[in-house]
Amino acid sequence: MRAAAVLIAALALAAPAAADVHVQGNRLVDGSGKTVRLLGVDRSGAEYACVQGWGFMDGPSDAASIAAIAAWHANAVRVPLNEDCWLGINGVSPKYGGAPYRAFVAGFVQRLHAGGMTVILDLHWNAPGTAKATGQQEMPDGDHAVAFWTSVARAFRADRNVVFDLYNEPHDVSWKCWRDGCGPWVGMQRLVTAVRAAGARQPLMLGGLAWANDLSGWLRWEPKDPLHQLVASFHLYNFNTCSTQACWDTTVGAVAKKVPVVTGELGENDCGHSFVDTYMPWADAAGVSYLGWTWDTWDCKSGPALISGYDGTPTGFGAGLQAHLSAIASTADS
């Protein structure tokens, strides 16, 4: 009973955002119709700490830690989630799964909003059947993903400063399977339909194939959304196939002329920032959003990670994103 009361209170706190982020043509805009680009960071941890049984988040999630993100001039944070933890199934500890996990996520979203952030909620780790969600699969699973998104959509349908990223990184399936499902996997169309049936009107990010690095078939296989609020999600690292400007021009740029594109993950594994320094100006010119992976204190080569401390001290990689966001902010203020 107490857990249910905590959840209800936390969800109520998450509701009163007023930014009204939505899709208008090939742009994201706010309630006044002003163009919004989501520029920020991923905050990894809520997808794995709970299923491993030791917490809700890796590192702090309080207001001070969020202020450190805001100090980088970020306006968005992407939060990866675990479907087993959200649903409280498949042996996840009741201490960190079900209602307590949902209450943590709702509270974190509220604190991020208070820090000036639009929040992207991402289905990151999943697994079919009774298997525990200890990683990502080729696609959302048919056993739990619809229940996950129905629940998330109901919980946050009043919060118009949230975007839903329907699945982290689809891979090793066809575009038809991506849209319509196949075998144990549910397609993007089913998830779009589930979110809308739950009464949620938020923009929906759909990652392409090849670990969200391939958008070549996105427009052809785009699901139907009665609200026309779909966003293409693109992930980019220096080791991906689509890592040249020629590819960005022909695939990402072509999609960005039709629908908003959000680079849900951007990074490089050499602890430097020369690669992201080539992409960010291109994305700026194309009107494409981007979020750096990740605001966690991992080794910046094996992660990669943006920071070496939760006070916002950047790694060699993170220094590039920090400097670029600062430059954008300075230009906007001048």
C-alpha atoms as a PDB file:
ATOM      1  CA  MET A   1       0.000   0.000   0.000  1.00  0.00           C
ATOM      2  CA  ARG A   2       2.808   2.378   0.942  1.00  0.00           C
ATOM      3  CA  ALA A   3       4.678   1.582  -2.312  1.00  0.00           C
ATOM      4  CA  ALA A   4       1.551   2.342  -4.331  1.00  0.00           C
ATOM      5  CA  ALA A   5       1.109   5.666  -2.545  1.00  0.00           C
ATOM      6  CA  VAL A   6       4.740   6.598  -3.220  1.00  0.00           C
ATOM      7  CA  LEU A   7       4.307   5.753  -6.905  1.00  0.00           C
ATOM      8  CA  ILE A   8       1.148   7.842  -7.246  1.00  0.00           C
ATOM      9  CA  ALA A   9       2.816  10.815  -5.570  1.00  0.00           C
ATOM     10  CA  ALA A  10       5.931  10.548  -7.720  1.00  0.00           C
ATOM     11  CA  LEU A  11       3.928  10.277 -10.938  1.00  0.00           C
ATOM     12  CA  ALA A  12       1.921  13.326  -9.944  1.00  0.00           C
ATOM     13  CA  LEU A  13       5.174  15.266  -9.554  1.00  0.00           C
ATOM     14  CA  ALA A  14       6.237  14.195 -13.047  1.00  0.00           C
ATOM     15  CA  ALA A  15       3.116  15.556 -14.713  1.00  0.00           C
ATOM     16  CA  PRO A  16       3.127  19.376 -14.717  1.00  0.00           C
ATOM     17  CA  ALA A  17       5.751  20.037 -17.406  1.00  0.00           C
ATOM     18  CA  ALA A  18       4.708  22.824 -19.744  1.00  0.00           C
ATOM     19  CA  ALA A  19       7.168  22.723 -22.654  1.00  0.00           C
ATOM     20  CA  ASP A  20       4.755  20.773 -24.898  1.00  0.00           C
ATOM     21  CA  VAL A  21       7.502  19.347 -27.100  1.00  0.00           C
ATOM     22  CA  HIS A  22       5.958  17.986 -30.290  1.00  0.00           C
ATOM     23  CA  VAL A  23       6.616  17.330 -33.963  1.00  0.00           C
ATOM     24  CA  GLN A  24       5.740  19.938 -36.555  1.00  0.00           C
ATOM     25  CA  GLY A  25       6.792  18.874 -40.026  1.00  0.00           C
ATOM     26  CA  ASN A  26      10.471  17.928 -39.819  1.00  0.00           C
ATOM     27  CA  ARG A  27      11.103  19.879 -36.601  1.00  0.00           C
ATOM     28  CA  LEU A  28      10.563  19.492 -32.908  1.00  0.00           C
ATOM     29  CA  VAL A  29       8.880  22.596 -31.505  1.00  0.00           C
ATOM     30  CA  ASP A  30       7.659  23.825 -28.127  1.00  0.00           C
ATOM     31  CA  GLY A  31       4.191  25.022 -27.214  1.00  0.00           C
ATOM     32  CA  SER A  32       4.790  28.407 -28.825  1.00  0.00           C
ATOM     33  CA  GLY A  33       5.938  26.833 -32.075  1.00  0.00           C
ATOM     34  CA  LYS A  34       9.612  27.642 -31.527  1.00  0.00           C
ATOM     35  CA  THR A  35      12.061  25.104 -32.930  1.00  0.00           C
ATOM     36  CA  VAL A  36      13.638  22.906 -30.258  1.00  0.00           C
ATOM     37  CA  ARG A  37      16.747  20.786 -30.702  1.00  0.00           C
ATOM     38  CA  LEU A  38      17.448  18.231 -28.018  1.00  0.00           C
ATOM     39  CA  LEU A  39      21.095  18.766 -27.091  1.00  0.00           C
ATOM     40  CA  GLY A  40      22.382  16.918 -24.071  1.00  0.00           C
ATOM     41  CA  VAL A  41      23.529  13.618 -22.649  1.00  0.00           C
ATOM     42  CA  ASP A  42      22.511  10.049 -21.967  1.00  0.00           C
ATOM     43  CA  ARG A  43      22.360   9.078 -18.279  1.00  0.00           C
ATOM     44  CA  SER A  44      23.027   5.354 -18.150  1.00  0.00           C
ATOM     45  CA  GLY A  45      22.424   3.206 -15.065  1.00  0.00           C
ATOM     46  CA  ALA A  46      18.696   2.658 -14.626  1.00  0.00           C
ATOM     47  CA  GLU A  47      18.815  -0.102 -17.245  1.00  0.00           C
ATOM     48  CA  TYR A  48      21.284  -2.280 -15.333  1.00  0.00           C
ATOM     49  CA  ALA A  49      21.600  -1.414 -11.622  1.00  0.00           C
ATOM     50  CA  CYS A  50      18.094  -2.686 -10.839  1.00  0.00           C
ATOM     51  CA  VAL A  51      18.373  -6.000 -12.680  1.00  0.00           C
ATOM     52  CA  GLN A  52      21.777  -6.611 -11.102  1.00  0.00           C
ATOM     53  CA  GLY A  53      20.154  -6.092  -7.717  1.00  0.00           C
ATOM     54  CA  TRP A  54      22.165  -3.240  -6.191  1.00  0.00           C
ATOM     55  CA  GLY A  55      20.303  -0.009  -6.896  1.00  0.00           C
ATOM     56  CA  PHE A  56      18.157   2.139  -9.150  1.00  0.00           C
ATOM     57  CA  MET A  57      20.942   4.190 -10.775  1.00  0.00           C
ATOM     58  CA  ASP A  58      24.706   4.040 -11.176  1.00  0.00           C
ATOM     59  CA  GLY A  59      25.880   7.192  -9.414  1.00  0.00           C
ATOM     60  CA  PRO A  60      23.857  10.118  -8.059  1.00  0.00           C
ATOM     61  CA  SER A  61      20.504  11.236  -9.434  1.00  0.00           C
ATOM     62  CA  ASP A  62      19.857  14.182  -7.121  1.00  0.00           C
ATOM     63  CA  ALA A  63      19.360  17.843  -7.976  1.00  0.00           C
ATOM     64  CA  ALA A  64      23.067  18.651  -7.581  1.00  0.00           C
ATOM     65  CA  SER A  65      24.079  16.012 -10.123  1.00  0.00           C
ATOM     66  CA  ILE A  66      21.441  17.317 -12.530  1.00  0.00           C
ATOM     67  CA  ALA A  67      22.699  20.886 -12.059  1.00  0.00           C
ATOM     68  CA  ALA A  68      26.115  19.649 -13.217  1.00  0.00           C
ATOM     69  CA  ILE A  69      24.508  18.433 -16.460  1.00  0.00           C
ATOM     70  CA  ALA A  70      22.695  21.747 -16.885  1.00  0.00           C
ATOM     71  CA  ALA A  71      26.011  23.574 -16.435  1.00  0.00           C
ATOM     72  CA  TRP A  72      27.103  22.030 -19.727  1.00  0.00           C
ATOM     73  CA  HIS A  73      24.197  23.913 -21.366  1.00  0.00           C
ATOM     74  CA  ALA A  74      22.288  20.676 -21.957  1.00  0.00           C
ATOM     75  CA  ASN A  75      18.525  20.854 -22.439  1.00  0.00           C
ATOM     76  CA  ALA A  76      17.778  17.112 -22.680  1.00  0.00           C
ATOM     77  CA  VAL A  77      18.673  13.854 -20.945  1.00  0.00           C
ATOM     78  CA  ARG A  78      17.989  10.382 -22.308  1.00  0.00           C
ATOM     79  CA  VAL A  79      17.278   7.792 -19.616  1.00  0.00           C
ATOM     80  CA  PRO A  80      17.659   4.098 -20.580  1.00  0.00           C
ATOM     81  CA  LEU A  81      15.181   1.781 -18.831  1.00  0.00           C
ATOM     82  CA  ASN A  82      14.798  -1.954 -18.165  1.00  0.00           C
ATOM     83  CA  GLU A  83      11.436  -3.560 -18.949  1.00  0.00           C
ATOM     84  CA  ASP A  84      11.762  -6.271 -16.279  1.00  0.00           C
ATOM     85  CA  CYS A  85      12.493  -3.668 -13.616  1.00  0.00           C
ATOM     86  CA  TRP A  86       9.602  -1.435 -14.712  1.00  0.00           C
ATOM     87  CA  LEU A  87       7.150  -4.355 -14.800  1.00  0.00           C
ATOM     88  CA  GLY A  88       8.593  -6.080 -11.732  1.00  0.00           C
ATOM     89  CA  ILE A  89       8.972  -9.474 -13.414  1.00  0.00           C
ATOM     90  CA  ASN A  90      11.453 -12.279 -14.065  1.00  0.00           C
ATOM     91  CA  GLY A  91      13.077 -12.356 -10.659  1.00  0.00           C
ATOM     92  CA  VAL A  92      14.034  -8.692 -10.328  1.00  0.00           C
ATOM     93  CA  SER A  93      14.411  -7.854  -6.625  1.00  0.00           C
ATOM     94  CA  PRO A  94      11.184  -6.289  -5.320  1.00  0.00           C
ATOM     95  CA  LYS A  95      13.405  -3.702  -3.666  1.00  0.00           C
ATOM     96  CA  TYR A  96      14.428  -2.338  -7.068  1.00  0.00           C
ATOM     97  CA  GLY A  97      11.640  -3.537  -9.382  1.00  0.00           C
ATOM     98  CA  GLY A  98       7.958  -2.837  -9.922  1.00  0.00           C
ATOM     99  CA  ALA A  99       6.441   0.080  -7.987  1.00  0.00           C
ATOM    100  CA  PRO A 100       9.731   1.205  -6.355  1.00  0.00           C
ATOM    101  CA  TYR A 101      11.473   1.328  -9.735  1.00  0.00           C
ATOM    102  CA  ARG A 102       8.588   3.191 -11.349  1.00  0.00           C
ATOM    103  CA  ALA A 103       8.561   5.669  -8.476  1.00  0.00           C
ATOM    104  CA  PHE A 104      12.310   6.224  -8.844  1.00  0.00           C
ATOM    105  CA  VAL A 105      11.977   6.886 -12.582  1.00  0.00           C
ATOM    106  CA  ALA A 106       9.065   9.271 -12.059  1.00  0.00           C
ATOM    107  CA  GLY A 107      10.976  11.171  -9.393  1.00  0.00           C
ATOM    108  CA  PHE A 108      14.102  11.360 -11.539  1.00  0.00           C
ATOM    109  CA  VAL A 109      12.075  12.701 -14.459  1.00  0.00           C
ATOM    110  CA  GLN A 110      10.577  15.368 -12.189  1.00  0.00           C
ATOM    111  CA  ARG A 111      14.032  16.419 -10.965  1.00  0.00           C
ATOM    112  CA  LEU A 112      15.333  16.565 -14.534  1.00  0.00           C
ATOM    113  CA  HIS A 113      12.416  18.784 -15.521  1.00  0.00           C
ATOM    114  CA  ALA A 114      13.128  21.014 -12.530  1.00  0.00           C
ATOM    115  CA  GLY A 115      16.684  21.279 -13.867  1.00  0.00           C
ATOM    116  CA  GLY A 116      15.386  22.468 -17.237  1.00  0.00           C
ATOM    117  CA  MET A 117      15.579  19.179 -19.123  1.00  0.00           C
ATOM    118  CA  THR A 118      13.369  17.488 -21.653  1.00  0.00           C
ATOM    119  CA  VAL A 119      13.536  13.757 -20.864  1.00  0.00           C
ATOM    120  CA  ILE A 120      13.782  10.893 -23.342  1.00  0.00           C
ATOM    121  CA  LEU A 121      12.659   7.559 -21.867  1.00  0.00           C
ATOM    122  CA  ASP A 122      14.232   4.658 -23.724  1.00  0.00           C
ATOM    123  CA  LEU A 123      13.492   0.915 -23.693  1.00  0.00           C
ATOM    124  CA  HIS A 124      17.109  -0.210 -23.478  1.00  0.00           C
ATOM    125  CA  TRP A 125      17.336  -3.707 -21.916  1.00  0.00           C
ATOM    126  CA  ASN A 126      14.777  -6.414 -22.553  1.00  0.00           C
ATOM    127  CA  ALA A 127      14.351 -10.176 -22.937  1.00  0.00           C
ATOM    128  CA  PRO A 128      11.583 -12.551 -24.048  1.00  0.00           C
ATOM    129  CA  GLY A 129       9.717 -15.002 -21.838  1.00  0.00           C
ATOM    130  CA  THR A 130      11.145 -15.716 -18.401  1.00  0.00           C
ATOM    131  CA  ALA A 131      14.690 -14.700 -19.327  1.00  0.00           C
ATOM    132  CA  LYS A 132      15.984 -11.822 -17.232  1.00  0.00           C
ATOM    133  CA  ALA A 133      16.595  -8.571 -19.143  1.00  0.00           C
ATOM    134  CA  THR A 134      20.363  -8.322 -18.713  1.00  0.00           C
ATOM    135  CA  GLY A 135      21.065  -6.757 -22.115  1.00  0.00           C
ATOM    136  CA  GLN A 136      19.491  -5.670 -25.368  1.00  0.00           C
ATOM    137  CA  GLN A 137      18.046  -7.960 -28.015  1.00  0.00           C
ATOM    138  CA  GLU A 138      17.611  -7.614 -31.759  1.00  0.00           C
ATOM    139  CA  MET A 139      14.205  -5.990 -31.275  1.00  0.00           C
ATOM    140  CA  PRO A 140      11.553  -5.380 -28.628  1.00  0.00           C
ATOM    141  CA  ASP A 141      10.222  -8.731 -27.420  1.00  0.00           C
ATOM    142  CA  GLY A 142       6.630  -9.727 -28.050  1.00  0.00           C
ATOM    143  CA  ASP A 143       6.182 -10.971 -24.495  1.00  0.00           C
ATOM    144  CA  HIS A 144       6.753  -7.766 -22.528  1.00  0.00           C
ATOM    145  CA  ALA A 145       7.443  -4.699 -24.706  1.00  0.00           C
ATOM    146  CA  VAL A 146       3.789  -3.847 -25.351  1.00  0.00           C
ATOM    147  CA  ALA A 147       2.986  -4.114 -21.630  1.00  0.00           C
ATOM    148  CA  PHE A 148       6.037  -1.975 -20.850  1.00  0.00           C
ATOM    149  CA  TRP A 149       5.082   0.819 -23.229  1.00  0.00           C
ATOM    150  CA  THR A 150       1.412   0.709 -22.307  1.00  0.00           C
ATOM    151  CA  SER A 151       2.405   1.219 -18.671  1.00  0.00           C
ATOM    152  CA  VAL A 152       5.034   3.906 -19.355  1.00  0.00           C
ATOM    153  CA  ALA A 153       2.661   5.772 -21.673  1.00  0.00           C
ATOM    154  CA  ARG A 154      -0.100   5.778 -19.070  1.00  0.00           C
ATOM    155  CA  ALA A 155       2.288   6.927 -16.349  1.00  0.00           C
ATOM    156  CA  PHE A 156       3.621   9.899 -18.341  1.00  0.00           C
ATOM    157  CA  ARG A 157       0.788  10.778 -20.708  1.00  0.00           C
ATOM    158  CA  ALA A 158       0.182  14.094 -18.910  1.00  0.00           C
ATOM    159  CA  ASP A 159       3.846  15.081 -19.160  1.00  0.00           C
ATOM    160  CA  ARG A 160       4.372  16.938 -22.434  1.00  0.00           C
ATOM    161  CA  ASN A 161       8.073  17.418 -21.825  1.00  0.00           C
ATOM    162  CA  VAL A 162       8.850  13.723 -22.306  1.00  0.00           C
ATOM    163  CA  VAL A 163       9.763  11.878 -25.504  1.00  0.00           C
ATOM    164  CA  PHE A 164       9.501   8.087 -25.809  1.00  0.00           C
ATOM    165  CA  ASP A 165      12.346   6.188 -27.524  1.00  0.00           C
ATOM    166  CA  LEU A 166      10.610   2.919 -28.419  1.00  0.00           C
ATOM    167  CA  TYR A 167      13.694   0.732 -28.671  1.00  0.00           C
ATOM    168  CA  ASN A 168      17.364   1.432 -28.213  1.00  0.00           C
ATOM    169  CA  GLU A 169      19.205  -0.245 -31.090  1.00  0.00           C
ATOM    170  CA  PRO A 170      17.394  -2.608 -33.480  1.00  0.00           C
ATOM    171  CA  HIS A 171      19.793  -4.883 -35.333  1.00  0.00           C
ATOM    172  CA  ASP A 172      20.076  -8.018 -37.471  1.00  0.00           C
ATOM    173  CA  VAL A 173      16.491  -7.972 -38.724  1.00  0.00           C
ATOM    174  CA  SER A 174      14.830  -6.814 -41.946  1.00  0.00           C
ATOM    175  CA  TRP A 175      13.047  -3.504 -42.338  1.00  0.00           C
ATOM    176  CA  LYS A 176       9.767  -5.412 -42.616  1.00  0.00           C
ATOM    177  CA  CYS A 177      10.445  -7.083 -39.266  1.00  0.00           C
ATOM    178  CA  TRP A 178      11.427  -3.693 -37.864  1.00  0.00           C
ATOM    179  CA  ARG A 179       8.005  -2.303 -38.673  1.00  0.00           C
ATOM    180  CA  ASP A 180       5.723  -5.354 -38.483  1.00  0.00           C
ATOM    181  CA  GLY A 181       7.540  -7.766 -36.168  1.00  0.00           C
ATOM    182  CA  CYS A 182       8.746 -11.326 -36.754  1.00  0.00           C
ATOM    183  CA  GLY A 183       9.363 -14.411 -34.638  1.00  0.00           C
ATOM    184  CA  PRO A 184       9.700 -13.388 -30.971  1.00  0.00           C
ATOM    185  CA  TRP A 185      10.009  -9.701 -31.849  1.00  0.00           C
ATOM    186  CA  VAL A 186       7.293  -7.092 -31.931  1.00  0.00           C
ATOM    187  CA  GLY A 187       7.508  -4.376 -34.571  1.00  0.00           C
ATOM    188  CA  MET A 188       7.510  -0.616 -34.223  1.00  0.00           C
ATOM    189  CA  GLN A 189       3.965  -0.292 -35.545  1.00  0.00           C
ATOM    190  CA  ARG A 190       2.590  -2.339 -32.660  1.00  0.00           C
ATOM    191  CA  LEU A 191       4.421  -0.173 -30.124  1.00  0.00           C
ATOM    192  CA  VAL A 192       3.238   3.070 -31.732  1.00  0.00           C
ATOM    193  CA  THR A 193      -0.312   1.745 -31.602  1.00  0.00           C
ATOM    194  CA  ALA A 194       0.062   0.690 -27.956  1.00  0.00           C
ATOM    195  CA  VAL A 195       1.350   4.096 -26.856  1.00  0.00           C
ATOM    196  CA  ARG A 196      -1.470   5.912 -28.628  1.00  0.00           C
ATOM    197  CA  ALA A 197      -4.074   3.496 -27.232  1.00  0.00           C
ATOM    198  CA  ALA A 198      -2.813   4.402 -23.749  1.00  0.00           C
ATOM    199  CA  GLY A 199      -3.673   8.046 -24.405  1.00  0.00           C
ATOM    200  CA  ALA A 200      -0.125   9.385 -24.758  1.00  0.00           C
ATOM    201  CA  ARG A 201       0.493  12.058 -27.391  1.00  0.00           C
ATOM    202  CA  GLN A 202       4.254  12.465 -26.992  1.00  0.00           C
ATOM    203  CA  PRO A 203       6.771  12.285 -29.859  1.00  0.00           C
ATOM    204  CA  LEU A 204       8.028   8.745 -30.453  1.00  0.00           C
ATOM    205  CA  MET A 205      11.640   8.082 -31.433  1.00  0.00           C
ATOM    206  CA  LEU A 206      12.262   5.047 -33.644  1.00  0.00           C
ATOM    207  CA  GLY A 207      15.858   3.873 -34.035  1.00  0.00           C
ATOM    208  CA  GLY A 208      16.917   2.508 -37.410  1.00  0.00           C
ATOM    209  CA  LEU A 209      18.679  -0.785 -38.132  1.00  0.00           C
ATOM    210  CA  ALA A 210      22.351  -1.725 -37.581  1.00  0.00           C
ATOM    211  CA  TRP A 211      22.247  -0.621 -33.951  1.00  0.00           C
ATOM    212  CA  ALA A 212      20.288   2.513 -34.959  1.00  0.00           C
ATOM    213  CA  ASN A 213      23.091   3.572 -37.312  1.00  0.00           C
ATOM    214  CA  ASP A 214      21.212   2.786 -40.562  1.00  0.00           C
ATOM    215  CA  LEU A 215      18.320   5.063 -41.525  1.00  0.00           C
ATOM    216  CA  SER A 216      18.305   4.071 -45.201  1.00  0.00           C
ATOM    217  CA  GLY A 217      14.892   2.352 -45.050  1.00  0.00           C
ATOM    218  CA  TRP A 218      13.312   4.473 -42.341  1.00  0.00           C
ATOM    219  CA  LEU A 219      11.072   6.612 -44.545  1.00  0.00           C
ATOM    220  CA  ARG A 220       9.890   3.712 -46.679  1.00  0.00           C
ATOM    221  CA  TRP A 221       9.003   1.596 -43.639  1.00  0.00           C
ATOM    222  CA  GLU A 222       7.800   4.377 -41.351  1.00  0.00           C
ATOM    223  CA  PRO A 223       4.886   3.165 -39.204  1.00  0.00           C
ATOM    224  CA  LYS A 224       1.550   4.957 -39.221  1.00  0.00           C
ATOM    225  CA  ASP A 225       0.925   7.352 -36.367  1.00  0.00           C
ATOM    226  CA  PRO A 226      -2.474   9.082 -36.305  1.00  0.00           C
ATOM    227  CA  LEU A 227      -0.869  12.016 -34.493  1.00  0.00           C
ATOM    228  CA  HIS A 228       2.089  12.321 -36.910  1.00  0.00           C
ATOM    229  CA  GLN A 229       4.566  12.546 -34.040  1.00  0.00           C
ATOM    230  CA  LEU A 230       7.318  10.182 -35.165  1.00  0.00           C
ATOM    231  CA  VAL A 231      11.026  10.988 -34.878  1.00  0.00           C
ATOM    232  CA  ALA A 232      13.947   9.089 -36.435  1.00  0.00           C
ATOM    233  CA  SER A 233      16.586   8.027 -33.900  1.00  0.00           C
ATOM    234  CA  PHE A 234      20.168   7.747 -35.147  1.00  0.00           C
ATOM    235  CA  HIS A 235      23.139   6.432 -33.141  1.00  0.00           C
ATOM    236  CA  LEU A 236      26.653   7.393 -34.145  1.00  0.00           C
ATOM    237  CA  TYR A 237      30.092   6.316 -32.980  1.00  0.00           C
ATOM    238  CA  ASN A 238      33.438   6.538 -34.720  1.00  0.00           C
ATOM    239  CA  PHE A 239      33.376   2.762 -35.284  1.00  0.00           C
ATOM    240  CA  ASN A 240      29.965   2.672 -37.024  1.00  0.00           C
ATOM    241  CA  THR A 241      29.466   2.093 -40.752  1.00  0.00           C
ATOM    242  CA  CYS A 242      27.667   5.402 -41.331  1.00  0.00           C
ATOM    243  CA  SER A 243      30.480   7.509 -39.897  1.00  0.00           C
ATOM    244  CA  THR A 244      31.302   9.803 -42.825  1.00  0.00           C
ATOM    245  CA  GLN A 245      29.759  13.020 -44.010  1.00  0.00           C
ATOM    246  CA  ALA A 246      28.875  11.378 -47.311  1.00  0.00           C
ATOM    247  CA  CYS A 247      26.703   8.883 -45.446  1.00  0.00           C
ATOM    248  CA  TRP A 248      25.208  11.561 -43.235  1.00  0.00           C
ATOM    249  CA  ASP A 249      24.312  13.631 -46.301  1.00  0.00           C
ATOM    250  CA  THR A 250      22.682  10.788 -48.215  1.00  0.00           C
ATOM    251  CA  THR A 251      20.843   8.979 -45.396  1.00  0.00           C
ATOM    252  CA  VAL A 252      20.519  11.047 -42.224  1.00  0.00           C
ATOM    253  CA  GLY A 253      20.145  14.320 -44.093  1.00  0.00           C
ATOM    254  CA  ALA A 254      17.501  12.871 -46.412  1.00  0.00           C
ATOM    255  CA  VAL A 255      15.435  11.672 -43.450  1.00  0.00           C
ATOM    256  CA  ALA A 256      15.903  14.984 -41.631  1.00  0.00           C
ATOM    257  CA  LYS A 257      14.191  16.777 -44.511  1.00  0.00           C
ATOM    258  CA  LYS A 258      11.010  14.794 -43.794  1.00  0.00           C
ATOM    259  CA  VAL A 259      10.922  14.139 -40.019  1.00  0.00           C
ATOM    260  CA  PRO A 260      12.942  15.274 -37.006  1.00  0.00           C
ATOM    261  CA  VAL A 261      16.144  13.318 -36.400  1.00  0.00           C
ATOM    262  CA  VAL A 262      17.573  12.891 -32.915  1.00  0.00           C
ATOM    263  CA  THR A 263      21.042  11.398 -32.532  1.00  0.00           C
ATOM    264  CA  GLY A 264      20.129   9.486 -29.392  1.00  0.00           C
ATOM    265  CA  GLU A 265      23.727   8.401 -28.800  1.00  0.00           C
ATOM    266  CA  LEU A 266      26.891  10.116 -30.009  1.00  0.00           C
ATOM    267  CA  GLY A 267      30.411   9.148 -29.037  1.00  0.00           C
ATOM    268  CA  GLU A 268      33.886   7.878 -29.785  1.00  0.00           C
ATOM    269  CA  ASN A 269      36.046   5.293 -28.057  1.00  0.00           C
ATOM    270  CA  ASP A 270      39.464   6.926 -28.316  1.00  0.00           C
ATOM    271  CA  CYS A 271      39.048   9.257 -25.317  1.00  0.00           C
ATOM    272  CA  GLY A 272      39.245  12.204 -27.696  1.00  0.00           C
ATOM    273  CA  HIS A 273      36.671  14.363 -29.447  1.00  0.00           C
ATOM    274  CA  SER A 274      37.951  14.804 -32.999  1.00  0.00           C
ATOM    275  CA  PHE A 275      35.210  12.564 -34.424  1.00  0.00           C
ATOM    276  CA  VAL A 276      32.265  14.160 -32.639  1.00  0.00           C
ATOM    277  CA  ASP A 277      33.743  17.552 -33.513  1.00  0.00           C
ATOM    278  CA  THR A 278      33.156  16.718 -37.181  1.00  0.00           C
ATOM    279  CA  TYR A 279      29.573  15.536 -36.641  1.00  0.00           C
ATOM    280  CA  MET A 280      28.157  18.223 -34.367  1.00  0.00           C
ATOM    281  CA  PRO A 281      28.607  21.134 -36.815  1.00  0.00           C
ATOM    282  CA  TRP A 282      27.091  18.988 -39.557  1.00  0.00           C
ATOM    283  CA  ALA A 283      24.123  18.180 -37.314  1.00  0.00           C
ATOM    284  CA  ASP A 284      23.737  21.845 -36.376  1.00  0.00           C
ATOM    285  CA  ALA A 285      23.480  22.811 -40.046  1.00  0.00           C
ATOM    286  CA  ALA A 286      21.002  19.979 -40.728  1.00  0.00           C
ATOM    287  CA  GLY A 287      18.822  20.787 -37.725  1.00  0.00           C
ATOM    288  CA  VAL A 288      19.578  17.407 -36.127  1.00  0.00           C
ATOM    289  CA  SER A 289      19.576  16.891 -32.349  1.00  0.00           C
ATOM    290  CA  TYR A 290      22.280  14.946 -30.470  1.00  0.00           C
ATOM    291  CA  LEU A 291      23.026  13.535 -27.031  1.00  0.00           C
ATOM    292  CA  GLY A 292      26.451  12.360 -25.892  1.00  0.00           C
ATOM    293  CA  TRP A 293      26.905   8.846 -24.526  1.00  0.00           C
ATOM    294  CA  THR A 294      27.234   8.833 -21.577  1.00  0.00           C
ATOM    295  CA  TRP A 295      27.078  10.908 -18.364  1.00  0.00           C
ATOM    296  CA  ASP A 296      28.745   8.184 -16.297  1.00  0.00           C
ATOM    297  CA  THR A 297      32.227   7.872 -14.831  1.00  0.00           C
ATOM    298  CA  TRP A 298      33.362   4.887 -16.874  1.00  0.00           C
ATOM    299  CA  ASP A 299      36.654   4.597 -18.702  1.00  0.00           C
ATOM    300  CA  CYS A 300      36.123   6.959 -21.626  1.00  0.00           C
ATOM    301  CA  LYS A 301      37.597   4.404 -24.041  1.00  0.00           C
ATOM    302  CA  SER A 302      35.645   1.339 -22.972  1.00  0.00           C
ATOM    303  CA  GLY A 303      32.419   3.269 -22.285  1.00  0.00           C
ATOM    304  CA  PRO A 304      32.776   5.777 -23.767  1.00  0.00           C
ATOM    305  CA  ALA A 305      32.057   8.240 -20.968  1.00  0.00           C
ATOM    306  CA  LEU A 306      31.730  12.011 -20.924  1.00  0.00           C
ATOM    307  CA  ILE A 307      32.832  12.633 -17.342  1.00  0.00           C
ATOM    308  CA  SER A 308      35.360  11.540 -14.759  1.00  0.00           C
ATOM    309  CA  GLY A 309      33.317  12.944 -11.864  1.00  0.00           C
ATOM    310  CA  TYR A 310      29.627  13.665 -11.282  1.00  0.00           C
ATOM    311  CA  ASP A 311      30.489  17.302 -10.667  1.00  0.00           C
ATOM    312  CA  GLY A 312      30.774  17.487 -14.463  1.00  0.00           C
ATOM    313  CA  THR A 313      34.562  17.172 -14.837  1.00  0.00           C
ATOM    314  CA  PRO A 314      34.895  16.122 -18.504  1.00  0.00           C
ATOM    315  CA  THR A 315      36.974  13.330 -19.939  1.00  0.00           C
ATOM    316  CA  GLY A 316      39.010  14.001 -23.048  1.00  0.00           C
ATOM    317  CA  PHE A 317      35.979  12.902 -25.049  1.00  0.00           C
ATOM    318  CA  GLY A 318      33.465  14.864 -22.990  1.00  0.00           C
ATOM    319  CA  ALA A 319      35.454  18.076 -23.350  1.00  0.00           C
ATOM    320  CA  GLY A 320      34.412  18.231 -27.004  1.00  0.00           C
ATOM    321  CA  LEU A 321      30.690  18.081 -26.297  1.00  0.00           C
ATOM    322  CA  GLN A 322      31.013  20.472 -23.368  1.00  0.00           C
ATOM    323  CA  ALA A 323      32.854  23.065 -25.454  1.00  0.00           C
ATOM    324  CA  HIS A 324      30.454  22.759 -28.376  1.00  0.00           C
ATOM    325  CA  LEU A 325      27.307  23.145 -26.256  1.00  0.00           C
ATOM    326  CA  SER A 326      28.900  26.134 -24.558  1.00  0.00           C
ATOM    327  CA  ALA A 327      29.651  27.717 -27.936  1.00  0.00           C
ATOM    328  CA  ILE A 328      26.074  27.197 -29.077  1.00  0.00           C
ATOM    329  CA  ALA A 329      24.779  28.788 -25.873  1.00  0.00           C
ATOM    330  CA  SER A 330      27.120  31.753 -26.265  1.00  0.00           C
ATOM    331  CA  THR A 331      25.925  32.304 -29.818  1.00  0.00           C
ATOM    332  CA  ALA A 332      22.300  32.141 -28.734  1.00  0.00           C
ATOM    333  CA  ASP A 333      22.902  34.688 -25.978  1.00  0.00           C
ATOM    334  CA  SER A 334      24.755  37.174 -28.173  1.00  0.00           C
END
